[in-house]
């Protein structure tokens, strides 16, 4: 999911060729307050010019937080254009997502859109309160919930931290903790876990390595802040040829003898959880971008 500042006509013009699964047209952090109104106009017109049926890439909008006086104005401006979804910043828990969903019910009705057609992905670790509510996403009915993502920058600012990085590189413990909690919460809720951004958009090698690691942990994708990051992310989250070959062998072996609970391949034992993982690998490979 690639962030695009909502007030940049130049950057908006590159969306259709970006290669991402979705773009997030940003009305929040990347848009200065004096430019908010203009960003709403640009984003609404951009989405309206691309009806859902013919979209090359999903079009999402990150609105301003619900506890500001900007959020409802954002929704008024863009919902009639039928975005695919709303990214909700600084969500404190499932109740915040439910509140946004109620707003979307009303705005979809006013715009003549199908009820429930606008999905929601909340950013669930941007306030000190939010991590304590992550379990709520698995127990609260949220039909619009399409994934969970997390962020470290707003949280570190809220904590008064000078950095969110550990001395040796990577995230400090607090941010590793909320990252792991987000992964668990997403899987408990049955939605994709979307990893946070890699801040250095020039570090292709680091982005690729961390994306591969994230996929191996169970993340489904990640956020991007520059079009150059889309390729490494797509590569990192796509199974390798070796992964696909092994998955095919595992699936074939179990299908050849459905009565078995464990199977040996090349000196390794594989059981039913491995079979499920193999089928998931093949599904991801089938959905991955060509090349």
Protein backbone atom coordinates (compact mmCIF):
# COMPACT_ATOMS: atom_id res chain seq x y z
CA UNK A 1 0.00 0.00 0.00
CA UNK A 2 1.77 3.11 -1.31
CA UNK A 3 1.23 6.50 0.33
CA UNK A 4 0.71 9.44 -2.04
CA UNK A 5 0.36 13.00 -0.66
CA UNK A 6 -3.13 14.17 -1.52
CA UNK A 7 -2.01 17.68 -2.38
CA UNK A 8 0.56 16.70 -5.02
CA UNK A 9 -0.87 16.67 -8.54
CA UNK A 10 2.49 15.49 -9.88
CA UNK A 11 2.60 12.43 -7.61
CA UNK A 12 -1.07 11.65 -8.14
CA UNK A 13 -0.38 11.52 -11.86
CA UNK A 14 1.95 8.54 -11.37
CA UNK A 15 -0.48 6.35 -9.43
CA UNK A 16 -1.77 4.20 -12.30
CA UNK A 17 1.72 2.93 -13.18
CA UNK A 18 3.06 2.51 -9.62
CA UNK A 19 2.74 -1.31 -9.44
CA UNK A 20 1.27 -1.34 -5.94
CA UNK A 21 -1.85 -3.29 -5.01
CA UNK A 22 -3.29 -0.15 -3.44
CA UNK A 23 -2.41 3.51 -3.04
CA UNK A 24 -3.32 5.54 0.01
CA UNK A 25 -4.19 9.07 -1.00
CA UNK A 26 -3.12 10.89 2.13
CA UNK A 27 -5.05 13.72 3.74
CA UNK A 28 -3.28 13.43 7.09
CA UNK A 29 0.42 13.65 7.94
CA UNK A 30 1.85 14.42 4.50
CA UNK A 31 -0.48 17.41 3.95
CA UNK A 32 0.10 20.68 5.79
CA UNK A 33 -2.94 22.29 7.38
CA UNK A 34 -3.22 25.15 4.84
CA UNK A 35 -3.35 22.57 2.04
CA UNK A 36 -6.02 20.28 3.51
CA UNK A 37 -8.94 21.72 1.57
CA UNK A 38 -7.09 21.61 -1.73
CA UNK A 39 -5.99 18.03 -1.04
CA UNK A 40 -9.60 16.97 -0.49
CA UNK A 41 -10.58 18.47 -3.84
CA UNK A 42 -7.71 16.81 -5.69
CA UNK A 43 -8.26 13.42 -4.09
CA UNK A 44 -12.02 13.43 -4.69
CA UNK A 45 -11.58 14.39 -8.35
CA UNK A 46 -8.81 11.83 -8.83
CA UNK A 47 -10.94 8.98 -7.46
CA UNK A 48 -14.09 10.08 -9.30
CA UNK A 49 -12.19 9.98 -12.60
CA UNK A 50 -11.42 6.29 -12.00
CA UNK A 51 -14.64 4.30 -11.52
CA UNK A 52 -14.19 1.12 -9.49
CA UNK A 53 -14.87 -1.25 -12.37
CA UNK A 54 -11.89 0.00 -14.36
CA UNK A 55 -9.33 0.71 -11.64
CA UNK A 56 -5.82 -0.59 -12.14
CA UNK A 57 -4.98 -0.13 -8.47
CA UNK A 58 -7.16 0.14 -5.38
CA UNK A 59 -7.68 3.73 -4.24
CA UNK A 60 -7.71 4.30 -0.48
CA UNK A 61 -7.80 7.54 1.50
CA UNK A 62 -6.11 8.19 4.80
CA UNK A 63 -8.33 10.64 6.60
CA UNK A 64 -7.41 12.74 9.62
CA UNK A 65 -8.04 11.25 13.09
CA UNK A 66 -11.64 11.02 14.27
CA UNK A 67 -10.90 13.15 17.34
CA UNK A 68 -10.06 16.15 15.15
CA UNK A 69 -12.43 18.54 13.42
CA UNK A 70 -11.04 17.45 10.04
CA UNK A 71 -12.17 13.83 9.76
CA UNK A 72 -15.83 14.39 8.90
CA UNK A 73 -14.89 17.01 6.34
CA UNK A 74 -12.55 14.48 4.75
CA UNK A 75 -15.36 11.93 4.50
CA UNK A 76 -17.83 14.47 3.13
CA UNK A 77 -15.33 15.38 0.42
CA UNK A 78 -14.24 11.92 -0.77
CA UNK A 79 -16.94 9.31 -0.06
CA UNK A 80 -19.10 10.29 -3.00
CA UNK A 81 -16.21 9.40 -5.32
CA UNK A 82 -16.33 5.79 -4.05
CA UNK A 83 -12.85 5.04 -2.70
CA UNK A 84 -12.09 1.37 -2.11
CA UNK A 85 -11.30 2.01 1.51
CA UNK A 86 -10.37 4.36 4.32
CA UNK A 87 -7.15 4.15 6.28
CA UNK A 88 -7.93 5.27 9.81
CA UNK A 89 -5.03 6.83 11.71
CA UNK A 90 -4.56 6.79 15.48
CA UNK A 91 -7.30 4.26 16.16
CA UNK A 92 -7.50 3.57 19.89
CA UNK A 93 -9.44 0.34 19.50
CA UNK A 94 -12.35 -1.42 17.87
CA UNK A 95 -14.81 1.21 19.11
CA UNK A 96 -13.07 3.83 16.99
CA UNK A 97 -13.33 1.60 13.92
CA UNK A 98 -17.00 0.94 14.68
CA UNK A 99 -17.60 4.69 14.92
CA UNK A 100 -15.97 5.26 11.54
CA UNK A 101 -18.04 2.42 10.11
CA UNK A 102 -21.25 4.13 11.30
CA UNK A 103 -20.16 7.33 9.56
CA UNK A 104 -19.50 5.36 6.38
CA UNK A 105 -22.98 3.81 6.59
CA UNK A 106 -24.47 7.30 6.48
CA UNK A 107 -22.19 8.70 3.77
CA UNK A 108 -22.63 5.64 1.53
CA UNK A 109 -26.40 6.01 1.83
CA UNK A 110 -26.21 9.69 0.92
CA UNK A 111 -23.97 8.94 -2.07
CA UNK A 112 -26.07 6.02 -3.30
CA UNK A 113 -23.21 3.56 -2.78
CA UNK A 114 -23.73 -0.07 -1.74
CA UNK A 115 -23.79 -0.37 2.04
CA UNK A 116 -20.46 -1.73 3.27
CA UNK A 117 -18.61 -1.08 0.02
CA UNK A 118 -15.93 1.05 1.69
CA UNK A 119 -13.40 -1.00 3.66
CA UNK A 120 -11.33 0.13 6.65
CA UNK A 121 -7.70 -0.50 7.62
CA UNK A 122 -6.85 1.14 10.94
CA UNK A 123 -3.38 2.09 12.14
CA UNK A 124 -3.54 0.45 15.55
CA UNK A 125 -0.40 1.40 17.51
CA UNK A 126 -0.05 5.15 17.05
CA UNK A 127 -1.18 6.13 20.56
CA UNK A 128 -0.02 4.80 23.95
CA UNK A 129 -3.57 3.59 24.67
CA UNK A 130 -4.06 1.66 21.42
CA UNK A 131 -1.90 -1.45 22.02
CA UNK A 132 -3.92 -2.36 25.10
CA UNK A 133 -7.05 -2.71 22.93
CA UNK A 134 -5.66 -4.87 20.13
CA UNK A 135 -7.51 -7.97 21.29
CA UNK A 136 -10.80 -6.18 20.66
CA UNK A 137 -10.45 -6.57 16.90
CA UNK A 138 -10.97 -10.32 17.24
CA UNK A 139 -14.09 -10.02 19.39
CA UNK A 140 -15.92 -7.02 17.94
CA UNK A 141 -18.05 -7.42 14.77
CA UNK A 142 -16.39 -5.14 12.21
CA UNK A 143 -17.55 -6.22 8.73
CA UNK A 144 -15.59 -3.44 7.02
CA UNK A 145 -12.28 -4.42 8.62
CA UNK A 146 -9.87 -5.33 5.79
CA UNK A 147 -6.56 -5.45 7.64
CA UNK A 148 -4.53 -4.05 10.51
CA UNK A 149 -1.40 -1.97 10.18
CA UNK A 150 0.84 -0.22 12.63
CA UNK A 151 3.12 2.77 12.88
CA UNK A 152 6.12 3.72 14.97
CA UNK A 153 6.57 7.42 14.26
CA UNK A 154 3.41 8.76 15.92
CA UNK A 155 3.85 6.43 18.88
CA UNK A 156 7.42 7.56 19.51
CA UNK A 157 6.25 11.18 19.33
CA UNK A 158 3.44 10.46 21.80
CA UNK A 159 5.94 8.84 24.18
CA UNK A 160 8.37 11.74 23.94
CA UNK A 161 11.01 9.33 22.65
CA UNK A 162 14.07 10.70 20.86
CA UNK A 163 14.06 7.68 18.52
CA UNK A 164 12.21 4.44 17.88
CA UNK A 165 15.40 2.69 16.76
CA UNK A 166 17.60 0.36 18.80
CA UNK A 167 21.33 1.23 19.12
CA UNK A 168 22.32 -1.69 16.90
CA UNK A 169 19.68 -1.02 14.25
CA UNK A 170 16.07 -2.06 13.85
CA UNK A 171 13.20 -1.07 16.11
CA UNK A 172 13.66 -0.63 19.85
CA UNK A 173 11.90 -3.10 22.14
CA UNK A 174 8.69 -1.09 22.63
CA UNK A 175 8.10 -0.95 18.87
CA UNK A 176 9.04 -4.59 18.34
CA UNK A 177 6.44 -5.43 20.98
CA UNK A 178 3.58 -3.50 19.38
CA UNK A 179 4.56 -4.84 15.97
CA UNK A 180 4.24 -8.40 17.24
CA UNK A 181 0.94 -7.58 18.92
CA UNK A 182 -0.41 -6.17 15.66
CA UNK A 183 0.56 -9.35 13.80
CA UNK A 184 -1.21 -11.51 16.38
CA UNK A 185 -4.27 -9.23 16.49
CA UNK A 186 -4.67 -9.30 12.71
CA UNK A 187 -4.53 -13.08 12.54
CA UNK A 188 -6.90 -13.37 15.51
CA UNK A 189 -9.33 -11.10 13.66
CA UNK A 190 -8.88 -13.03 10.41
CA UNK A 191 -7.61 -10.08 8.36
CA UNK A 192 -4.28 -9.32 6.62
CA UNK A 193 -1.43 -7.99 8.73
CA UNK A 194 0.20 -5.04 6.93
CA UNK A 195 3.69 -4.19 8.15
CA UNK A 196 4.84 -0.62 8.61
CA UNK A 197 7.04 1.34 6.25
CA UNK A 198 10.80 1.16 5.73
CA UNK A 199 11.78 4.76 6.25
CA UNK A 200 14.89 4.87 4.03
CA UNK A 201 13.45 4.74 0.50
CA UNK A 202 16.97 4.46 -0.95
CA UNK A 203 17.77 1.26 0.96
CA UNK A 204 16.51 -1.34 -1.50
CA UNK A 205 18.57 -4.16 0.03
CA UNK A 206 17.33 -3.47 3.55
CA UNK A 207 13.74 -3.16 2.36
CA UNK A 208 13.92 -6.43 0.45
CA UNK A 209 15.50 -8.31 3.36
CA UNK A 210 13.03 -6.98 5.93
CA UNK A 211 10.09 -7.71 3.60
CA UNK A 212 11.21 -11.31 3.18
CA UNK A 213 11.57 -11.61 6.93
CA UNK A 214 8.12 -10.10 7.45
CA UNK A 215 6.53 -12.57 5.02
CA UNK A 216 8.20 -15.45 6.85
CA UNK A 217 6.65 -14.19 10.11
CA UNK A 218 3.13 -14.06 8.67
CA UNK A 219 2.74 -10.47 7.44
CA UNK A 220 0.73 -10.15 4.23
CA UNK A 221 2.27 -6.95 2.87
CA UNK A 222 3.52 -3.56 3.95
CA UNK A 223 3.25 0.18 3.61
CA UNK A 224 5.46 2.15 1.21
CA UNK A 225 6.34 5.85 1.09
CA UNK A 226 8.02 6.02 -2.32
CA UNK A 227 7.24 4.35 -5.68
CA UNK A 228 10.77 2.91 -5.75
CA UNK A 229 9.82 0.74 -2.76
CA UNK A 230 7.01 -1.09 -4.56
CA UNK A 231 9.28 -3.46 -6.51
CA UNK A 232 11.33 -4.68 -3.52
CA UNK A 233 8.17 -5.10 -1.45
CA UNK A 234 6.42 -7.12 -4.16
CA UNK A 235 9.52 -9.28 -4.54
CA UNK A 236 9.98 -9.70 -0.80
CA UNK A 237 6.40 -10.80 -0.22
CA UNK A 238 6.30 -13.17 -3.21
CA UNK A 239 7.43 -16.76 -2.55
CA UNK A 240 10.72 -17.73 -4.18
CA UNK A 241 10.88 -20.39 -6.87
CA UNK A 242 12.33 -22.76 -4.26
CA UNK A 243 9.43 -22.03 -1.88
CA UNK A 244 6.89 -22.74 -4.61
CA UNK A 245 8.60 -25.94 -5.70
CA UNK A 246 8.67 -27.32 -2.16
CA UNK A 247 5.05 -26.29 -1.56
CA UNK A 248 3.97 -28.15 -4.69
CA UNK A 249 5.79 -31.27 -3.53
CA UNK A 250 4.19 -31.09 -0.08
CA UNK A 251 0.68 -30.64 -1.49
CA UNK A 252 1.20 -33.38 -4.08
CA UNK A 253 2.48 -35.82 -1.47
CA UNK A 254 -0.52 -35.35 0.81
CA UNK A 255 -2.96 -35.48 -2.10
CA UNK A 256 -1.41 -38.73 -3.25
CA UNK A 257 -2.18 -40.32 0.13
CA UNK A 258 -4.90 -38.32 1.96
CA UNK A 259 -4.94 -40.78 4.85
CA UNK A 260 -1.51 -39.79 6.08
CA UNK A 261 -0.94 -37.20 8.80
CA UNK A 262 2.80 -36.88 8.27
CA UNK A 263 5.01 -37.28 5.21
CA UNK A 264 8.78 -37.35 4.79
CA UNK A 265 10.39 -35.32 1.99
CA UNK A 266 14.17 -35.13 1.60
CA UNK A 267 14.72 -36.20 5.20
CA UNK A 268 12.24 -33.68 6.66
CA UNK A 269 8.89 -34.47 8.22
CA UNK A 270 5.83 -32.52 7.14
CA UNK A 271 2.44 -32.60 8.86
CA UNK A 272 -0.94 -30.91 8.43
CA UNK A 273 0.19 -27.41 9.51
CA UNK A 274 2.92 -27.67 6.84
CA UNK A 275 0.27 -28.65 4.30
CA UNK A 276 -1.78 -25.56 5.17
CA UNK A 277 1.32 -23.38 4.87
CA UNK A 278 2.17 -24.94 1.51
CA UNK A 279 -1.30 -24.23 0.16
CA UNK A 280 -1.01 -20.64 1.37
CA UNK A 281 2.36 -20.29 -0.37
CA UNK A 282 0.86 -21.48 -3.66
CA UNK A 283 -2.09 -19.10 -3.30
CA UNK A 284 0.26 -16.16 -2.69
CA UNK A 285 2.42 -17.16 -5.66
CA UNK A 286 -0.63 -17.34 -7.91
CA UNK A 287 -1.66 -13.82 -6.87
CA UNK A 288 1.83 -12.29 -7.08
CA UNK A 289 2.62 -9.74 -9.80
CA UNK A 290 4.22 -11.21 -12.90
CA UNK A 291 7.97 -10.78 -13.06
